[in-house]
């Protein structure tokens, strides 16, 4: 099992409802191991992990993702590239919308509904 770790953050721009991070996707990242041998790609679950962790940290939510909506993986994120992660907050609905992209390509996108309490202990 790989311990969750964030990528190298090159730069960021943050405000109350929108955040963007420029990320370097290190070719030596353990997330590429076995995914896949001939052409490594960044796993979708890793992209979700980073969006949840960075979004929840910035917008002051606990990291309890309860639902994923309109999740799309359109293009592979390859080792050694730089990408932008943009996250928009809809505070009324406790939703984080994310997009991974660069200037020409939209890699993935989706919406994450965040719970304010641990769903495993909520009754």
C-alpha atoms as a PDB file:
ATOM      1  CA  UNK A   1       0.000   0.000   0.000  1.00  0.00           C
ATOM      2  CA  UNK A   2       1.258   3.473  -0.891  1.00  0.00           C
ATOM      3  CA  UNK A   3       0.979   6.186   1.741  1.00  0.00           C
ATOM      4  CA  UNK A   4      -0.865   9.205   0.365  1.00  0.00           C
ATOM      5  CA  UNK A   5       1.434  12.084  -0.442  1.00  0.00           C
ATOM      6  CA  UNK A   6       0.818  15.276  -2.362  1.00  0.00           C
ATOM      7  CA  UNK A   7       2.776  16.167  -5.496  1.00  0.00           C
ATOM      8  CA  UNK A   8       5.260  19.019  -5.663  1.00  0.00           C
ATOM      9  CA  UNK A   9       3.313  22.296  -5.712  1.00  0.00           C
ATOM     10  CA  UNK A  10       4.994  24.764  -8.052  1.00  0.00           C
ATOM     11  CA  UNK A  11       2.610  27.640  -7.383  1.00  0.00           C
ATOM     12  CA  UNK A  12      -0.894  28.354  -6.157  1.00  0.00           C
ATOM     13  CA  UNK A  13      -3.567  31.033  -6.220  1.00  0.00           C
ATOM     14  CA  UNK A  14      -6.286  30.906  -3.595  1.00  0.00           C
ATOM     15  CA  UNK A  15      -9.420  32.807  -2.592  1.00  0.00           C
ATOM     16  CA  UNK A  16     -12.684  32.069  -0.745  1.00  0.00           C
ATOM     17  CA  UNK A  17     -14.402  30.139  -3.548  1.00  0.00           C
ATOM     18  CA  UNK A  18     -11.694  29.171  -6.045  1.00  0.00           C
ATOM     19  CA  UNK A  19      -8.226  27.678  -5.800  1.00  0.00           C
ATOM     20  CA  UNK A  20      -5.657  26.658  -8.362  1.00  0.00           C
ATOM     21  CA  UNK A  21      -2.423  24.758  -7.886  1.00  0.00           C
ATOM     22  CA  UNK A  22       0.302  24.187 -10.476  1.00  0.00           C
ATOM     23  CA  UNK A  23       1.599  20.666  -9.825  1.00  0.00           C
ATOM     24  CA  UNK A  24       4.695  18.838 -11.003  1.00  0.00           C
ATOM     25  CA  UNK A  25       3.956  15.140 -11.530  1.00  0.00           C
ATOM     26  CA  UNK A  26       7.266  13.505 -10.608  1.00  0.00           C
ATOM     27  CA  UNK A  27       8.207  10.631 -12.881  1.00  0.00           C
ATOM     28  CA  UNK A  28       9.626   8.805  -9.819  1.00  0.00           C
ATOM     29  CA  UNK A  29       6.323   8.944  -7.939  1.00  0.00           C
ATOM     30  CA  UNK A  30       5.370   5.580  -6.422  1.00  0.00           C
ATOM     31  CA  UNK A  31       1.868   6.039  -7.897  1.00  0.00           C
ATOM     32  CA  UNK A  32       3.219   5.070 -11.322  1.00  0.00           C
ATOM     33  CA  UNK A  33       4.552   1.689 -10.115  1.00  0.00           C
ATOM     34  CA  UNK A  34       2.546  -1.026 -11.867  1.00  0.00           C
ATOM     35  CA  UNK A  35       0.194   1.471 -13.501  1.00  0.00           C
ATOM     36  CA  UNK A  36       1.291   0.569 -16.286  1.00  0.00           C
ATOM     37  CA  UNK A  37       4.630  -0.929 -17.297  1.00  0.00           C
ATOM     38  CA  UNK A  38       4.763   0.147 -20.963  1.00  0.00           C
ATOM     39  CA  UNK A  39       3.290   3.631 -20.404  1.00  0.00           C
ATOM     40  CA  UNK A  40       2.892   4.770 -16.802  1.00  0.00           C
ATOM     41  CA  UNK A  41      -0.162   6.947 -16.103  1.00  0.00           C
ATOM     42  CA  UNK A  42      -1.319   8.719 -12.960  1.00  0.00           C
ATOM     43  CA  UNK A  43      -4.164   6.684 -11.435  1.00  0.00           C
ATOM     44  CA  UNK A  44      -7.578   8.312 -11.195  1.00  0.00           C
ATOM     45  CA  UNK A  45      -7.791   7.453  -7.502  1.00  0.00           C
ATOM     46  CA  UNK A  46      -4.609   9.482  -6.938  1.00  0.00           C
ATOM     47  CA  UNK A  47      -6.098  12.451  -8.773  1.00  0.00           C
ATOM     48  CA  UNK A  48      -9.179  12.206  -6.540  1.00  0.00           C
ATOM     49  CA  UNK A  49      -7.042  11.923  -3.406  1.00  0.00           C
ATOM     50  CA  UNK A  50      -5.128  15.099  -4.269  1.00  0.00           C
ATOM     51  CA  UNK A  51      -8.275  17.051  -5.173  1.00  0.00           C
ATOM     52  CA  UNK A  52      -9.975  16.014  -1.920  1.00  0.00           C
ATOM     53  CA  UNK A  53      -6.956  16.699   0.267  1.00  0.00           C
ATOM     54  CA  UNK A  54      -6.027  20.064  -1.266  1.00  0.00           C
ATOM     55  CA  UNK A  55      -9.631  21.232  -1.593  1.00  0.00           C
ATOM     56  CA  UNK A  56     -10.649  20.231   1.927  1.00  0.00           C
ATOM     57  CA  UNK A  57      -7.517  21.734   3.431  1.00  0.00           C
ATOM     58  CA  UNK A  58      -7.940  25.067   1.650  1.00  0.00           C
ATOM     59  CA  UNK A  59     -11.709  25.388   2.186  1.00  0.00           C
ATOM     60  CA  UNK A  60     -11.503  24.124   5.803  1.00  0.00           C
ATOM     61  CA  UNK A  61     -13.492  20.907   5.463  1.00  0.00           C
ATOM     62  CA  UNK A  62     -12.732  17.547   7.049  1.00  0.00           C
ATOM     63  CA  UNK A  63     -11.666  15.062   4.388  1.00  0.00           C
ATOM     64  CA  UNK A  64     -14.904  13.094   4.283  1.00  0.00           C
ATOM     65  CA  UNK A  65     -15.894  12.652   0.664  1.00  0.00           C
ATOM     66  CA  UNK A  66     -19.330  11.049   0.535  1.00  0.00           C
ATOM     67  CA  UNK A  67     -20.299  11.180  -3.147  1.00  0.00           C
ATOM     68  CA  UNK A  68     -18.612  11.653  -6.521  1.00  0.00           C
ATOM     69  CA  UNK A  69     -20.572  13.238  -9.364  1.00  0.00           C
ATOM     70  CA  UNK A  70     -19.910  13.569 -13.115  1.00  0.00           C
ATOM     71  CA  UNK A  71     -16.465  12.050 -12.745  1.00  0.00           C
ATOM     72  CA  UNK A  72     -14.605  12.064 -16.079  1.00  0.00           C
ATOM     73  CA  UNK A  73     -11.093  10.969 -16.970  1.00  0.00           C
ATOM     74  CA  UNK A  74     -10.549  12.297 -20.485  1.00  0.00           C
ATOM     75  CA  UNK A  75      -6.767  12.119 -21.018  1.00  0.00           C
ATOM     76  CA  UNK A  76      -3.882  10.409 -19.276  1.00  0.00           C
ATOM     77  CA  UNK A  77      -1.620  12.354 -16.944  1.00  0.00           C
ATOM     78  CA  UNK A  78       1.884  11.125 -17.742  1.00  0.00           C
ATOM     79  CA  UNK A  79       5.076  11.189 -15.657  1.00  0.00           C
ATOM     80  CA  UNK A  80       7.153  14.372 -15.633  1.00  0.00           C
ATOM     81  CA  UNK A  81       4.427  16.824 -16.677  1.00  0.00           C
ATOM     82  CA  UNK A  82       3.034  19.926 -15.018  1.00  0.00           C
ATOM     83  CA  UNK A  83      -0.723  20.302 -14.622  1.00  0.00           C
ATOM     84  CA  UNK A  84      -3.132  22.776 -13.076  1.00  0.00           C
ATOM     85  CA  UNK A  85      -5.620  21.607 -10.468  1.00  0.00           C
ATOM     86  CA  UNK A  86      -8.537  24.047 -10.235  1.00  0.00           C
ATOM     87  CA  UNK A  87     -11.116  23.631  -7.483  1.00  0.00           C
ATOM     88  CA  UNK A  88     -14.297  25.645  -7.070  1.00  0.00           C
ATOM     89  CA  UNK A  89     -16.327  25.601  -3.852  1.00  0.00           C
ATOM     90  CA  UNK A  90     -20.128  25.533  -3.725  1.00  0.00           C
ATOM     91  CA  UNK A  91     -20.434  26.110   0.033  1.00  0.00           C
ATOM     92  CA  UNK A  92     -24.234  25.786   0.185  1.00  0.00           C
ATOM     93  CA  UNK A  93     -24.088  22.268  -1.240  1.00  0.00           C
ATOM     94  CA  UNK A  94     -20.728  21.279   0.327  1.00  0.00           C
ATOM     95  CA  UNK A  95     -19.392  20.513  -3.165  1.00  0.00           C
ATOM     96  CA  UNK A  96     -15.916  20.837  -4.584  1.00  0.00           C
ATOM     97  CA  UNK A  97     -15.716  20.859  -8.392  1.00  0.00           C
ATOM     98  CA  UNK A  98     -12.278  20.018  -9.734  1.00  0.00           C
ATOM     99  CA  UNK A  99     -10.507  20.100 -13.095  1.00  0.00           C
ATOM    100  CA  UNK A 100      -7.006  18.872 -13.918  1.00  0.00           C
ATOM    101  CA  UNK A 101      -5.754  20.589 -17.072  1.00  0.00           C
ATOM    102  CA  UNK A 102      -2.932  22.305 -18.833  1.00  0.00           C
ATOM    103  CA  UNK A 103      -3.172  24.986 -21.491  1.00  0.00           C
ATOM    104  CA  UNK A 104      -4.324  22.591 -24.231  1.00  0.00           C
ATOM    105  CA  UNK A 105      -5.778  19.549 -22.473  1.00  0.00           C
ATOM    106  CA  UNK A 106      -8.456  18.782 -19.917  1.00  0.00           C
ATOM    107  CA  UNK A 107      -7.305  15.613 -18.160  1.00  0.00           C
ATOM    108  CA  UNK A 108     -10.075  14.977 -15.659  1.00  0.00           C
ATOM    109  CA  UNK A 109     -12.927  16.626 -13.809  1.00  0.00           C
ATOM    110  CA  UNK A 110     -15.717  15.966 -11.360  1.00  0.00           C
ATOM    111  CA  UNK A 111     -17.599  17.071  -8.293  1.00  0.00           C
ATOM    112  CA  UNK A 112     -16.982  15.849  -4.762  1.00  0.00           C
ATOM    113  CA  UNK A 113     -19.631  16.146  -2.061  1.00  0.00           C
ATOM    114  CA  UNK A 114     -18.011  16.636   1.337  1.00  0.00           C
ATOM    115  CA  UNK A 115     -19.594  15.644   4.633  1.00  0.00           C
ATOM    116  CA  UNK A 116     -18.931  17.828   7.660  1.00  0.00           C
ATOM    117  CA  UNK A 117     -18.844  14.750   9.893  1.00  0.00           C
ATOM    118  CA  UNK A 118     -17.247  11.335   9.686  1.00  0.00           C
ATOM    119  CA  UNK A 119     -19.779   9.124   7.852  1.00  0.00           C
ATOM    120  CA  UNK A 120     -18.504   6.066   9.740  1.00  0.00           C
ATOM    121  CA  UNK A 121     -19.452   7.537  13.126  1.00  0.00           C
ATOM    122  CA  UNK A 122     -22.550   9.506  12.100  1.00  0.00           C
ATOM    123  CA  UNK A 123     -25.832   8.041  13.222  1.00  0.00           C
END
